[in-house]
N, C-alpha and C. Protein backbone atom coordinates (compact mmCIF):
# COMPACT_ATOMS: atom_id res chain seq x y z
N MET A 1 15.50 -14.24 21.49
CA MET A 1 14.50 -14.29 20.38
C MET A 1 14.13 -15.71 19.86
N ASN A 2 13.10 -16.09 20.00
CA ASN A 2 12.75 -17.54 19.48
C ASN A 2 12.00 -17.35 18.03
N LEU A 3 12.87 -17.32 17.17
CA LEU A 3 12.26 -17.22 15.84
C LEU A 3 11.75 -18.30 15.13
N ARG A 4 10.63 -18.06 14.68
CA ARG A 4 9.79 -19.17 14.04
C ARG A 4 8.98 -18.65 12.92
N TYR A 5 8.33 -19.34 12.04
CA TYR A 5 7.55 -19.06 10.86
C TYR A 5 6.42 -18.12 11.35
N GLY A 6 5.81 -18.65 12.18
CA GLY A 6 4.65 -17.80 12.70
C GLY A 6 3.47 -18.45 12.51
N ARG A 7 2.29 -17.94 13.05
CA ARG A 7 0.80 -18.24 12.73
C ARG A 7 0.60 -17.62 11.24
N PRO A 8 -0.21 -18.43 10.49
CA PRO A 8 -0.72 -17.92 9.23
C PRO A 8 -0.84 -16.29 9.22
N LEU A 9 -0.67 -15.63 8.23
CA LEU A 9 -0.84 -14.27 8.31
C LEU A 9 -2.43 -13.85 8.15
N LEU A 10 -2.97 -14.46 7.42
CA LEU A 10 -4.44 -14.33 7.36
C LEU A 10 -5.37 -15.38 7.94
N THR A 11 -6.34 -15.03 8.54
CA THR A 11 -7.12 -15.93 9.29
C THR A 11 -8.03 -16.79 8.23
N ALA A 12 -8.63 -17.85 8.70
CA ALA A 12 -9.48 -18.62 7.84
C ALA A 12 -10.47 -17.76 7.16
N ASP A 13 -11.13 -16.77 7.80
CA ASP A 13 -12.29 -16.23 7.27
C ASP A 13 -11.88 -14.82 6.48
N THR A 14 -10.60 -14.73 6.56
CA THR A 14 -10.16 -13.40 5.69
C THR A 14 -9.21 -13.88 4.30
N ARG A 15 -9.01 -15.19 4.30
CA ARG A 15 -8.49 -15.49 3.03
C ARG A 15 -9.26 -15.15 1.79
N LEU A 16 -10.34 -15.46 1.72
CA LEU A 16 -11.30 -15.34 0.74
C LEU A 16 -11.63 -13.97 0.35
N PRO A 17 -11.67 -13.12 1.30
CA PRO A 17 -11.71 -11.60 1.12
C PRO A 17 -10.53 -11.07 0.54
N ALA A 18 -9.31 -11.49 1.06
CA ALA A 18 -8.07 -11.04 0.52
C ALA A 18 -7.69 -11.40 -0.84
N GLY A 19 -8.48 -12.76 -1.36
CA GLY A 19 -8.14 -13.04 -2.56
C GLY A 19 -9.16 -12.14 -3.64
N ALA A 20 -10.26 -12.06 -3.14
CA ALA A 20 -11.19 -11.20 -3.88
C ALA A 20 -10.44 -9.67 -4.03
N LEU A 21 -9.96 -9.10 -2.85
CA LEU A 21 -9.62 -7.76 -2.77
C LEU A 21 -8.10 -7.67 -3.69
N LEU A 22 -7.45 -8.71 -3.89
CA LEU A 22 -6.45 -8.95 -4.74
C LEU A 22 -6.94 -8.95 -6.29
N ALA A 23 -7.69 -9.65 -6.54
CA ALA A 23 -8.29 -9.55 -7.82
C ALA A 23 -9.03 -8.23 -8.27
N SER A 24 -9.63 -7.61 -7.33
CA SER A 24 -10.45 -6.29 -7.61
C SER A 24 -9.13 -5.30 -7.82
N CYS A 25 -8.17 -5.24 -7.12
CA CYS A 25 -6.99 -4.42 -7.07
C CYS A 25 -6.32 -4.52 -8.57
N ALA A 26 -5.87 -5.70 -8.95
CA ALA A 26 -5.31 -6.06 -10.24
C ALA A 26 -6.15 -5.69 -11.26
N ILE A 27 -7.60 -5.67 -11.41
CA ILE A 27 -8.58 -5.46 -12.49
C ILE A 27 -8.67 -3.96 -12.45
N LEU A 28 -8.71 -3.25 -11.28
CA LEU A 28 -8.72 -1.74 -11.26
C LEU A 28 -7.57 -1.23 -11.84
N VAL A 29 -6.25 -1.68 -11.58
CA VAL A 29 -5.06 -1.04 -12.13
C VAL A 29 -5.15 -1.22 -13.55
N THR A 30 -5.44 -2.52 -14.06
CA THR A 30 -5.44 -2.85 -15.48
C THR A 30 -6.48 -1.83 -16.27
N VAL A 31 -7.56 -1.83 -15.72
CA VAL A 31 -8.62 -1.12 -16.34
C VAL A 31 -8.13 0.19 -16.51
N LEU A 32 -7.80 0.90 -15.37
CA LEU A 32 -7.44 2.32 -15.57
C LEU A 32 -6.23 2.63 -16.28
N GLY A 33 -5.20 1.61 -16.29
CA GLY A 33 -4.04 1.69 -17.01
C GLY A 33 -4.36 1.72 -18.49
N VAL A 34 -5.27 0.89 -19.02
CA VAL A 34 -5.91 0.78 -20.56
C VAL A 34 -6.46 2.17 -20.66
N LEU A 35 -7.31 2.54 -19.96
CA LEU A 35 -8.17 3.86 -20.10
C LEU A 35 -7.16 5.01 -20.52
N PHE A 36 -6.10 5.25 -19.37
CA PHE A 36 -5.24 6.38 -19.35
C PHE A 36 -3.98 6.15 -19.96
N ALA A 37 -3.64 5.23 -20.68
CA ALA A 37 -2.33 4.91 -21.28
C ALA A 37 -1.96 5.85 -22.24
N HIS A 38 -0.93 6.59 -22.21
CA HIS A 38 -0.16 7.39 -23.05
C HIS A 38 -0.79 8.70 -23.05
N GLN A 39 -1.46 9.15 -22.03
CA GLN A 39 -2.38 10.40 -21.89
C GLN A 39 -1.67 11.36 -21.11
N ASP A 40 -1.70 12.75 -21.37
CA ASP A 40 -1.03 13.63 -20.62
C ASP A 40 -2.12 14.76 -20.23
N GLN A 41 -3.32 14.24 -20.18
CA GLN A 41 -4.38 15.37 -19.57
C GLN A 41 -5.35 14.42 -18.87
N PRO A 42 -6.09 15.21 -17.97
CA PRO A 42 -7.01 14.48 -16.93
C PRO A 42 -8.32 14.05 -17.59
N ASP A 43 -9.01 13.16 -17.22
CA ASP A 43 -10.25 13.00 -17.75
C ASP A 43 -11.43 13.79 -16.98
N ARG A 44 -12.49 13.44 -17.29
CA ARG A 44 -13.51 14.22 -16.52
C ARG A 44 -13.63 14.02 -15.02
N LEU A 45 -13.45 12.86 -14.60
CA LEU A 45 -13.48 12.42 -13.12
C LEU A 45 -12.09 13.21 -12.48
N ASP A 46 -11.22 13.07 -13.08
CA ASP A 46 -9.74 13.80 -12.40
C ASP A 46 -10.05 15.25 -12.37
N ARG A 47 -10.90 15.87 -13.42
CA ARG A 47 -10.84 17.26 -13.30
C ARG A 47 -11.91 17.69 -12.21
N ALA A 48 -12.87 16.74 -12.02
CA ALA A 48 -14.05 17.12 -10.95
C ALA A 48 -13.42 17.23 -9.55
N ILE A 49 -12.49 16.06 -9.48
CA ILE A 49 -12.07 15.91 -8.10
C ILE A 49 -10.71 16.60 -7.84
N ASP A 50 -10.03 16.89 -8.71
CA ASP A 50 -8.63 17.57 -8.74
C ASP A 50 -8.77 18.81 -8.42
N SER A 51 -9.56 19.58 -9.23
CA SER A 51 -9.70 21.14 -9.19
C SER A 51 -9.96 21.76 -7.87
N PRO A 52 -10.90 21.30 -7.08
CA PRO A 52 -10.99 21.78 -5.79
C PRO A 52 -9.71 21.48 -4.60
N VAL A 53 -9.35 20.43 -4.94
CA VAL A 53 -8.13 20.05 -4.07
C VAL A 53 -6.98 20.84 -4.29
N VAL A 54 -6.65 21.11 -5.69
CA VAL A 54 -5.57 21.90 -6.19
C VAL A 54 -5.92 23.22 -5.59
N THR A 55 -6.95 23.96 -5.89
CA THR A 55 -7.26 25.07 -5.47
C THR A 55 -6.98 25.27 -3.98
N TRP A 56 -7.44 24.58 -3.07
CA TRP A 56 -7.23 24.59 -1.60
C TRP A 56 -5.63 24.53 -1.39
N PHE A 57 -5.06 23.52 -1.83
CA PHE A 57 -3.48 23.63 -1.61
C PHE A 57 -2.87 24.54 -2.15
N GLY A 58 -3.29 25.40 -3.06
CA GLY A 58 -2.53 26.43 -3.75
C GLY A 58 -2.05 27.45 -2.68
N GLY A 59 -2.83 27.52 -1.64
CA GLY A 59 -2.27 28.35 -0.52
C GLY A 59 -1.54 27.66 0.77
N HIS A 60 -1.38 26.29 0.52
CA HIS A 60 -0.93 25.64 1.62
C HIS A 60 0.04 24.53 1.10
N GLN A 61 0.90 25.18 0.20
CA GLN A 61 2.17 24.35 -0.39
C GLN A 61 3.05 23.81 0.51
N GLY A 62 3.28 24.50 1.56
CA GLY A 62 4.36 24.01 2.68
C GLY A 62 3.79 22.67 3.30
N LEU A 63 2.55 22.91 3.85
CA LEU A 63 1.81 21.98 4.64
C LEU A 63 1.60 20.52 3.64
N GLY A 64 1.32 20.62 2.26
CA GLY A 64 1.15 19.67 1.37
C GLY A 64 2.55 18.81 1.22
N LYS A 65 3.77 19.73 1.12
CA LYS A 65 4.93 18.99 1.11
C LYS A 65 5.27 18.03 2.24
N TRP A 66 5.08 18.59 3.65
CA TRP A 66 4.85 17.86 4.76
C TRP A 66 3.90 16.60 4.84
N LEU A 67 2.65 16.73 4.18
CA LEU A 67 1.72 15.71 4.30
C LEU A 67 2.25 14.50 3.23
N ILE A 68 2.94 14.79 2.26
CA ILE A 68 3.33 13.77 1.38
C ILE A 68 4.69 12.98 1.78
N PHE A 69 5.34 13.66 2.77
CA PHE A 69 6.51 12.91 3.30
C PHE A 69 6.47 11.61 3.67
N PRO A 70 5.45 11.09 4.38
CA PRO A 70 5.44 9.57 4.83
C PRO A 70 5.48 8.73 3.42
N GLY A 71 5.09 9.09 2.26
CA GLY A 71 5.29 8.33 1.15
C GLY A 71 6.56 8.34 0.46
N SER A 72 7.59 9.08 1.05
CA SER A 72 8.68 9.13 0.38
C SER A 72 9.75 8.03 0.56
N LEU A 73 10.86 7.98 -0.19
CA LEU A 73 11.47 6.61 0.08
C LEU A 73 12.20 6.39 1.67
N LEU A 74 12.73 7.64 2.19
CA LEU A 74 13.39 7.56 3.55
C LEU A 74 12.29 7.11 4.53
N PRO A 75 11.41 7.81 4.82
CA PRO A 75 10.32 7.63 5.90
C PRO A 75 9.57 6.06 5.64
N ALA A 76 9.33 5.76 4.36
CA ALA A 76 8.55 4.49 4.21
C ALA A 76 9.66 3.52 4.25
N GLY A 77 11.12 3.71 4.02
CA GLY A 77 12.05 2.48 4.23
C GLY A 77 12.28 2.40 5.78
N LEU A 78 12.31 3.45 6.43
CA LEU A 78 12.40 3.33 7.93
C LEU A 78 11.34 2.63 8.64
N ALA A 79 10.10 3.04 7.90
CA ALA A 79 8.72 2.34 8.76
C ALA A 79 8.98 0.97 8.53
N THR A 80 9.31 0.49 7.13
CA THR A 80 9.40 -0.86 6.76
C THR A 80 10.40 -1.66 7.77
N ALA A 81 11.62 -0.94 8.03
CA ALA A 81 12.56 -1.66 8.84
C ALA A 81 12.23 -1.74 10.29
N ALA A 82 11.18 -0.78 10.68
CA ALA A 82 10.83 -0.97 12.03
C ALA A 82 9.77 -2.08 12.04
N ILE A 83 9.06 -2.09 11.19
CA ILE A 83 8.05 -3.24 11.27
C ILE A 83 8.70 -4.68 11.04
N VAL A 84 9.63 -4.61 10.36
CA VAL A 84 10.47 -5.87 10.20
C VAL A 84 11.38 -6.25 11.57
N ALA A 85 11.66 -5.19 12.22
CA ALA A 85 12.31 -5.42 13.46
C ALA A 85 11.40 -5.91 14.56
N ALA A 86 10.22 -5.38 14.52
CA ALA A 86 8.97 -5.71 15.45
C ALA A 86 8.58 -7.23 15.31
N CYS A 87 8.64 -7.59 14.03
CA CYS A 87 8.07 -8.90 13.64
C CYS A 87 9.31 -9.92 14.16
N LEU A 88 10.28 -9.75 13.89
CA LEU A 88 11.59 -10.47 14.28
C LEU A 88 11.65 -10.63 15.75
N LEU A 89 11.53 -9.60 16.59
CA LEU A 89 11.41 -9.58 18.00
C LEU A 89 10.30 -10.51 18.59
N ALA A 90 9.06 -10.41 18.00
CA ALA A 90 7.98 -11.24 18.27
C ALA A 90 8.14 -12.51 17.73
N GLY A 91 9.08 -12.88 17.02
CA GLY A 91 9.24 -14.39 16.49
C GLY A 91 8.45 -14.76 15.32
N ARG A 92 8.03 -13.67 14.60
CA ARG A 92 7.35 -13.94 13.41
C ARG A 92 7.93 -13.83 12.21
N LEU A 93 8.49 -14.81 11.68
CA LEU A 93 9.37 -14.61 10.50
C LEU A 93 8.54 -14.33 9.34
N ASN A 94 7.40 -14.94 9.27
CA ASN A 94 6.60 -14.62 8.10
C ASN A 94 6.10 -13.14 7.92
N GLY A 95 5.98 -12.71 9.21
CA GLY A 95 5.39 -11.22 9.36
C GLY A 95 6.81 -10.35 8.67
N ALA A 96 7.87 -10.67 9.23
CA ALA A 96 8.93 -10.04 8.77
C ALA A 96 9.19 -10.05 7.24
N ILE A 97 8.99 -11.35 6.68
CA ILE A 97 9.18 -11.41 5.34
C ILE A 97 8.20 -10.64 4.59
N LEU A 98 6.91 -10.57 5.08
CA LEU A 98 5.85 -9.82 4.44
C LEU A 98 6.28 -8.31 4.27
N ALA A 99 6.62 -7.88 5.53
CA ALA A 99 6.88 -6.29 5.56
C ALA A 99 8.29 -5.95 4.79
N ALA A 100 9.24 -6.90 4.79
CA ALA A 100 10.63 -6.62 3.92
C ALA A 100 10.18 -6.62 2.52
N SER A 101 9.17 -7.52 2.08
CA SER A 101 9.11 -7.62 0.52
C SER A 101 7.94 -6.77 -0.11
N ALA A 102 6.95 -6.32 0.76
CA ALA A 102 5.60 -5.67 0.28
C ALA A 102 6.08 -4.27 -0.40
N LEU A 103 6.69 -3.68 0.25
CA LEU A 103 7.30 -2.33 -0.24
C LEU A 103 8.18 -2.35 -1.46
N LEU A 104 9.12 -3.10 -1.34
CA LEU A 104 9.94 -3.41 -2.41
C LEU A 104 9.18 -4.01 -3.73
N ALA A 105 8.30 -5.15 -3.63
CA ALA A 105 7.69 -5.55 -4.63
C ALA A 105 6.80 -4.70 -5.24
N ALA A 106 6.04 -3.76 -4.49
CA ALA A 106 4.89 -2.75 -4.95
C ALA A 106 5.58 -1.69 -5.66
N GLU A 107 6.90 -1.24 -5.18
CA GLU A 107 7.59 -0.14 -5.97
C GLU A 107 8.20 -0.63 -7.25
N ALA A 108 8.75 -1.90 -7.18
CA ALA A 108 9.37 -2.61 -8.34
C ALA A 108 8.28 -2.71 -9.50
N LEU A 109 7.01 -3.18 -9.06
CA LEU A 109 6.00 -3.08 -10.10
C LEU A 109 5.60 -1.84 -10.61
N ASN A 110 5.52 -0.73 -9.77
CA ASN A 110 5.15 0.48 -10.10
C ASN A 110 6.19 1.29 -11.13
N ASP A 111 7.64 1.20 -10.45
CA ASP A 111 8.68 1.94 -11.32
C ASP A 111 9.11 1.12 -12.44
N GLY A 112 9.13 -0.19 -12.40
CA GLY A 112 9.95 -0.99 -13.22
C GLY A 112 8.74 -1.57 -14.46
N LEU A 113 7.55 -1.56 -14.25
CA LEU A 113 6.71 -2.23 -15.27
C LEU A 113 5.48 -1.12 -15.62
N LEU A 114 4.76 -0.58 -14.49
CA LEU A 114 3.59 0.12 -14.75
C LEU A 114 3.82 1.48 -15.51
N LYS A 115 4.76 2.15 -14.75
CA LYS A 115 4.86 3.50 -15.12
C LYS A 115 5.37 3.57 -16.60
N PRO A 116 6.36 2.88 -17.06
CA PRO A 116 6.99 2.91 -18.51
C PRO A 116 5.89 2.31 -19.30
N LEU A 117 5.22 1.06 -18.99
CA LEU A 117 4.41 0.55 -19.84
C LEU A 117 3.29 1.41 -20.13
N ILE A 118 2.47 2.06 -18.98
CA ILE A 118 1.18 2.76 -19.22
C ILE A 118 1.80 4.35 -19.77
N HIS A 119 2.76 4.64 -19.31
CA HIS A 119 3.31 6.04 -19.74
C HIS A 119 2.22 7.27 -19.86
N ARG A 120 1.77 7.19 -18.74
CA ARG A 120 0.69 8.54 -18.57
C ARG A 120 1.70 9.41 -17.82
N THR A 121 1.33 10.69 -18.40
CA THR A 121 2.33 11.96 -17.91
C THR A 121 1.41 13.14 -17.15
N TYR A 122 2.17 13.69 -16.22
CA TYR A 122 1.45 14.81 -15.68
C TYR A 122 2.43 15.96 -15.62
N LEU A 123 2.40 16.90 -16.48
CA LEU A 123 3.46 17.95 -16.43
C LEU A 123 4.73 17.34 -16.91
N GLY A 124 4.67 16.43 -17.79
CA GLY A 124 5.90 15.70 -18.39
C GLY A 124 6.39 14.58 -17.64
N VAL A 125 6.03 14.33 -16.38
CA VAL A 125 6.59 13.37 -15.54
C VAL A 125 5.70 12.14 -15.72
N LEU A 126 6.13 10.78 -15.65
CA LEU A 126 5.56 9.71 -15.46
C LEU A 126 4.62 9.65 -14.18
N THR A 127 3.25 9.25 -14.10
CA THR A 127 2.68 9.39 -13.09
C THR A 127 1.61 8.30 -12.58
N TYR A 128 1.47 7.50 -13.43
CA TYR A 128 0.46 6.39 -13.37
C TYR A 128 1.51 4.87 -13.10
N PRO A 129 1.00 4.22 -11.79
CA PRO A 129 0.53 4.67 -10.59
C PRO A 129 1.15 5.64 -9.74
N SER A 130 0.73 6.28 -8.76
CA SER A 130 1.50 7.13 -7.87
C SER A 130 2.43 6.40 -7.21
N GLY A 131 3.68 6.60 -6.96
CA GLY A 131 4.69 5.72 -6.29
C GLY A 131 4.28 6.15 -4.57
N HIS A 132 4.25 7.38 -4.50
CA HIS A 132 4.02 7.73 -2.95
C HIS A 132 2.83 7.06 -2.40
N ALA A 133 1.71 7.05 -3.26
CA ALA A 133 0.31 6.43 -2.74
C ALA A 133 0.60 4.96 -2.71
N THR A 134 1.53 4.49 -3.71
CA THR A 134 1.61 2.88 -3.43
C THR A 134 2.25 2.54 -2.47
N ALA A 135 3.48 3.37 -2.01
CA ALA A 135 4.32 3.05 -0.63
C ALA A 135 3.29 3.06 0.49
N VAL A 136 2.48 4.14 0.87
CA VAL A 136 1.74 4.30 1.94
C VAL A 136 0.64 3.36 2.09
N PHE A 137 0.08 3.00 1.14
CA PHE A 137 -0.97 2.06 1.09
C PHE A 137 -0.38 0.56 1.35
N ALA A 138 0.69 0.44 0.75
CA ALA A 138 1.49 -0.94 1.04
C ALA A 138 1.66 -1.02 2.58
N LEU A 139 2.27 -0.04 2.96
CA LEU A 139 2.50 0.02 4.70
C LEU A 139 1.35 0.03 5.40
N ALA A 140 0.40 0.66 5.00
CA ALA A 140 -0.97 0.40 5.75
C ALA A 140 -1.70 -0.90 5.79
N ALA A 141 -1.49 -1.57 4.51
CA ALA A 141 -2.01 -2.88 4.30
C ALA A 141 -1.40 -3.63 5.02
N THR A 142 0.05 -3.79 5.13
CA THR A 142 0.96 -4.55 5.89
C THR A 142 0.73 -4.63 7.24
N VAL A 143 0.64 -3.42 7.88
CA VAL A 143 0.13 -3.14 9.36
C VAL A 143 -1.23 -3.95 9.57
N THR A 144 -2.10 -3.76 8.68
CA THR A 144 -3.45 -4.30 8.90
C THR A 144 -3.34 -5.86 8.81
N VAL A 145 -2.58 -6.52 7.74
CA VAL A 145 -2.58 -7.80 7.85
C VAL A 145 -1.70 -8.45 9.02
N LEU A 146 -0.63 -7.69 9.63
CA LEU A 146 -0.05 -8.27 10.68
C LEU A 146 -0.88 -8.04 11.98
N LEU A 147 -1.91 -7.41 11.96
CA LEU A 147 -2.72 -7.06 13.24
C LEU A 147 -4.09 -8.21 13.01
N LEU A 148 -4.01 -8.80 11.98
CA LEU A 148 -5.38 -9.64 11.74
C LEU A 148 -5.43 -10.91 12.80
N ALA A 149 -4.33 -11.32 13.20
CA ALA A 149 -4.54 -12.49 14.23
C ALA A 149 -5.10 -12.02 15.51
N PRO A 150 -6.04 -12.64 15.94
CA PRO A 150 -6.67 -12.27 17.15
C PRO A 150 -6.09 -12.20 18.23
N PRO A 151 -6.07 -11.34 19.00
CA PRO A 151 -5.10 -11.11 20.30
C PRO A 151 -5.31 -12.08 21.20
N ARG A 152 -4.35 -12.49 22.07
CA ARG A 152 -4.57 -13.43 23.15
C ARG A 152 -5.50 -12.98 24.22
N GLN A 153 -5.52 -11.50 24.41
CA GLN A 153 -6.59 -11.09 25.36
C GLN A 153 -7.37 -10.15 24.52
N PRO A 154 -8.60 -10.60 24.33
CA PRO A 154 -9.48 -9.84 23.33
C PRO A 154 -10.20 -8.72 24.13
N GLY A 155 -10.83 -7.88 23.54
CA GLY A 155 -11.42 -6.67 24.08
C GLY A 155 -10.74 -5.58 23.76
N ARG A 156 -10.05 -4.86 24.85
CA ARG A 156 -9.42 -3.63 24.52
C ARG A 156 -8.37 -3.60 23.19
N ALA A 157 -7.57 -4.72 23.60
CA ALA A 157 -6.51 -4.95 22.47
C ALA A 157 -6.97 -5.11 21.03
N GLY A 158 -8.00 -5.56 20.80
CA GLY A 158 -8.73 -5.85 19.59
C GLY A 158 -9.22 -4.33 18.91
N ALA A 159 -9.74 -3.50 19.92
CA ALA A 159 -10.02 -2.18 19.40
C ALA A 159 -8.94 -1.39 19.11
N VAL A 160 -7.86 -1.69 19.93
CA VAL A 160 -6.61 -0.86 19.69
C VAL A 160 -6.18 -1.32 18.13
N ARG A 161 -6.20 -2.52 17.89
CA ARG A 161 -5.87 -2.99 16.50
C ARG A 161 -6.52 -2.48 15.20
N ILE A 162 -7.85 -2.27 15.46
CA ILE A 162 -8.78 -1.72 14.73
C ILE A 162 -8.46 0.04 14.36
N VAL A 163 -8.20 0.49 15.61
CA VAL A 163 -7.81 1.97 15.47
C VAL A 163 -6.41 2.12 14.91
N ILE A 164 -5.36 1.21 14.95
CA ILE A 164 -4.15 1.48 14.28
C ILE A 164 -4.34 1.19 12.81
N SER A 165 -5.11 0.35 12.55
CA SER A 165 -5.37 0.03 10.98
C SER A 165 -6.03 1.23 10.31
N VAL A 166 -7.09 1.65 10.97
CA VAL A 166 -7.94 2.82 10.28
C VAL A 166 -7.05 4.21 10.42
N ALA A 167 -6.15 4.23 11.39
CA ALA A 167 -5.26 5.40 11.39
C ALA A 167 -4.23 5.31 10.31
N ALA A 168 -3.83 3.94 9.90
CA ALA A 168 -2.75 3.94 8.97
C ALA A 168 -3.33 4.32 7.50
N PHE A 169 -4.59 3.63 7.25
CA PHE A 169 -5.25 4.00 5.83
C PHE A 169 -5.63 5.42 6.05
N ALA A 170 -6.13 6.06 6.93
CA ALA A 170 -6.36 7.41 6.83
C ALA A 170 -5.18 8.39 6.53
N LEU A 171 -4.00 8.01 7.05
CA LEU A 171 -2.77 8.65 6.81
C LEU A 171 -2.68 8.63 5.31
N ALA A 172 -2.58 7.31 4.72
CA ALA A 172 -2.31 7.04 3.46
C ALA A 172 -3.37 7.96 2.66
N CYS A 173 -4.61 8.04 2.88
CA CYS A 173 -5.52 8.81 2.21
C CYS A 173 -5.05 10.25 2.10
N VAL A 174 -4.53 10.72 3.60
CA VAL A 174 -4.28 12.13 3.33
C VAL A 174 -2.86 12.34 2.52
N VAL A 175 -1.93 11.46 2.39
CA VAL A 175 -0.89 11.71 1.50
C VAL A 175 -1.36 11.67 0.21
N ALA A 176 -2.32 10.69 -0.18
CA ALA A 176 -2.91 10.71 -1.61
C ALA A 176 -3.49 12.32 -1.89
N THR A 177 -4.26 12.70 -1.05
CA THR A 177 -4.78 13.98 -1.22
C THR A 177 -3.94 14.94 -1.53
N ALA A 178 -2.95 14.88 -0.74
CA ALA A 178 -1.62 15.96 -0.77
C ALA A 178 -1.04 15.84 -2.16
N LEU A 179 -0.78 14.69 -2.68
CA LEU A 179 -0.23 14.52 -3.80
C LEU A 179 -1.04 15.18 -5.21
N ILE A 180 -2.38 15.09 -4.96
CA ILE A 180 -3.36 15.74 -5.96
C ILE A 180 -3.04 17.04 -5.79
N GLY A 181 -3.10 17.68 -4.53
CA GLY A 181 -3.09 19.22 -4.25
C GLY A 181 -1.85 19.75 -4.80
N LEU A 182 -0.66 19.05 -4.83
CA LEU A 182 0.43 19.63 -5.15
C LEU A 182 0.64 19.53 -6.51
N ARG A 183 -0.30 18.98 -7.21
CA ARG A 183 -0.16 18.70 -8.78
C ARG A 183 0.69 17.68 -9.22
N PHE A 184 1.18 16.62 -8.37
CA PHE A 184 2.04 15.77 -8.68
C PHE A 184 1.32 14.61 -9.34
N HIS A 185 0.05 14.33 -9.26
CA HIS A 185 -0.71 13.11 -9.53
C HIS A 185 -2.13 13.67 -10.09
N TYR A 186 -2.69 13.00 -10.87
CA TYR A 186 -4.10 12.96 -11.07
C TYR A 186 -4.75 12.01 -9.92
N PHE A 187 -5.96 12.20 -9.68
CA PHE A 187 -6.77 11.46 -8.59
C PHE A 187 -6.63 10.01 -9.10
N THR A 188 -6.83 9.62 -10.31
CA THR A 188 -6.85 8.29 -10.62
C THR A 188 -5.49 7.60 -10.69
N ASP A 189 -4.54 8.42 -10.66
CA ASP A 189 -2.94 7.91 -10.24
C ASP A 189 -2.74 7.57 -8.86
N THR A 190 -3.45 8.14 -8.03
CA THR A 190 -3.44 7.76 -6.51
C THR A 190 -4.38 6.66 -6.29
N VAL A 191 -5.30 6.55 -6.92
CA VAL A 191 -6.37 5.39 -6.70
C VAL A 191 -5.50 3.91 -7.29
N ALA A 192 -4.90 4.08 -8.43
CA ALA A 192 -4.03 3.06 -8.90
C ALA A 192 -2.98 2.73 -7.76
N GLY A 193 -2.32 3.69 -7.30
CA GLY A 193 -1.30 3.41 -6.43
C GLY A 193 -1.88 2.87 -5.16
N ALA A 194 -2.98 3.23 -4.53
CA ALA A 194 -3.62 2.67 -3.36
C ALA A 194 -3.94 0.97 -3.96
N ALA A 195 -4.43 0.77 -4.86
CA ALA A 195 -4.90 -0.42 -5.33
C ALA A 195 -3.50 -1.39 -5.48
N LEU A 196 -2.50 -0.82 -6.11
CA LEU A 196 -1.38 -1.66 -6.33
C LEU A 196 -0.58 -1.80 -5.02
N GLY A 197 -0.41 -0.89 -4.09
CA GLY A 197 0.16 -1.19 -2.74
C GLY A 197 -0.87 -2.27 -2.03
N THR A 198 -2.02 -2.29 -1.78
CA THR A 198 -2.90 -2.92 -1.21
C THR A 198 -2.81 -4.33 -1.60
N GLY A 199 -3.06 -4.49 -3.02
CA GLY A 199 -2.99 -5.79 -3.77
C GLY A 199 -1.84 -6.46 -3.60
N THR A 200 -0.63 -5.85 -3.59
CA THR A 200 0.65 -6.46 -3.65
C THR A 200 0.92 -7.07 -2.24
N VAL A 201 0.36 -6.44 -1.25
CA VAL A 201 0.43 -7.00 0.21
C VAL A 201 -0.61 -8.23 0.22
N CYS A 202 -1.69 -8.24 -0.35
CA CYS A 202 -2.66 -9.31 -0.10
C CYS A 202 -2.11 -10.55 -1.12
N GLY A 203 -1.44 -10.22 -2.05
CA GLY A 203 -0.74 -11.40 -2.80
C GLY A 203 0.21 -12.04 -2.26
N ILE A 204 1.10 -11.27 -1.49
CA ILE A 204 2.29 -11.73 -0.88
C ILE A 204 2.02 -12.51 0.43
N ALA A 205 0.82 -12.00 1.26
CA ALA A 205 0.22 -12.81 2.37
C ALA A 205 -0.24 -14.11 1.86
N LEU A 206 -1.06 -13.90 1.08
CA LEU A 206 -1.58 -15.41 0.51
C LEU A 206 -0.40 -16.48 0.07
N LEU A 207 0.46 -15.77 -0.39
CA LEU A 207 1.59 -16.94 -1.01
C LEU A 207 2.46 -17.31 0.17
N LEU A 208 2.70 -16.40 1.24
CA LEU A 208 3.33 -16.82 2.32
C LEU A 208 2.37 -17.80 3.36
N ASP A 209 1.12 -17.82 2.98
CA ASP A 209 0.24 -18.85 3.83
C ASP A 209 0.03 -20.02 3.12
N LEU A 210 0.39 -20.40 1.96
CA LEU A 210 0.33 -21.45 1.22
C LEU A 210 0.97 -22.63 2.00
N PRO A 211 0.31 -23.78 2.05
CA PRO A 211 0.77 -24.84 2.89
C PRO A 211 2.22 -25.35 2.48
N VAL A 212 2.39 -25.34 1.10
CA VAL A 212 3.59 -25.72 0.62
C VAL A 212 4.86 -24.93 1.30
N ILE A 213 4.57 -23.53 1.29
CA ILE A 213 5.44 -22.50 1.76
C ILE A 213 5.78 -22.80 3.17
N ARG A 214 4.73 -23.05 3.97
CA ARG A 214 4.86 -23.13 5.39
C ARG A 214 5.52 -24.47 5.66
N ARG A 215 5.35 -25.51 4.96
CA ARG A 215 5.98 -26.75 5.09
C ARG A 215 7.60 -26.38 4.78
N LEU A 216 7.97 -25.82 3.78
CA LEU A 216 9.16 -25.62 3.43
C LEU A 216 10.11 -24.66 4.55
N ALA A 217 9.13 -23.75 5.06
CA ALA A 217 9.69 -22.84 6.02
C ALA A 217 10.10 -23.71 7.47
N ARG A 218 9.24 -24.56 7.73
CA ARG A 218 9.34 -25.61 8.96
C ARG A 218 10.54 -26.32 8.75
N CYS A 219 10.52 -26.71 7.48
CA CYS A 219 11.95 -27.94 7.21
C CYS A 219 13.16 -27.00 7.31
N GLY A 220 13.11 -25.89 6.97
CA GLY A 220 14.53 -24.98 6.73
C GLY A 220 14.73 -24.68 8.21
């Protein structure tokens, strides 16, 4: 295993969009947090979106529990470990650091800061942002960032990368929908979780790509 820091995680033409996405996610989480702080009732948007989803899942509770499973601690942790191992085997130390830190950082921000600070509740439980949504979107964003580097053999390999990224985010959306259907979260809780998970990955990737960090890594 030839372990090296690796190529930059973000290509030259994706750094600016990643920074803009990070800023947008931070603003969204902050604005929604201010709007829903210390509330225990859904707003009009939540009612409109949640009601039909909850109604449909009323007869599919077992399915819903399976659908939210990827956002639970064990599967999310195992997926993270697999991504870290794959990056190490490929000799991409920066990719392994991104994968190892993204989920931990996102969940720490969620459970350690935002949930107690915003203190929005659903059926007596702190729900803003959704931890399951945070986890699956952080994983999906991590996979997408790791696949950004152009393949050495373009063509079919590039198409496969796109399919994998789209599938990862589609799975994350399915998890978020099931969380609403099981009445674990309001719609806006899952939106905030998606923004928190995605924004955390963008922030860490930008940080790991800083020239000073890359220089320190090469010196080490």
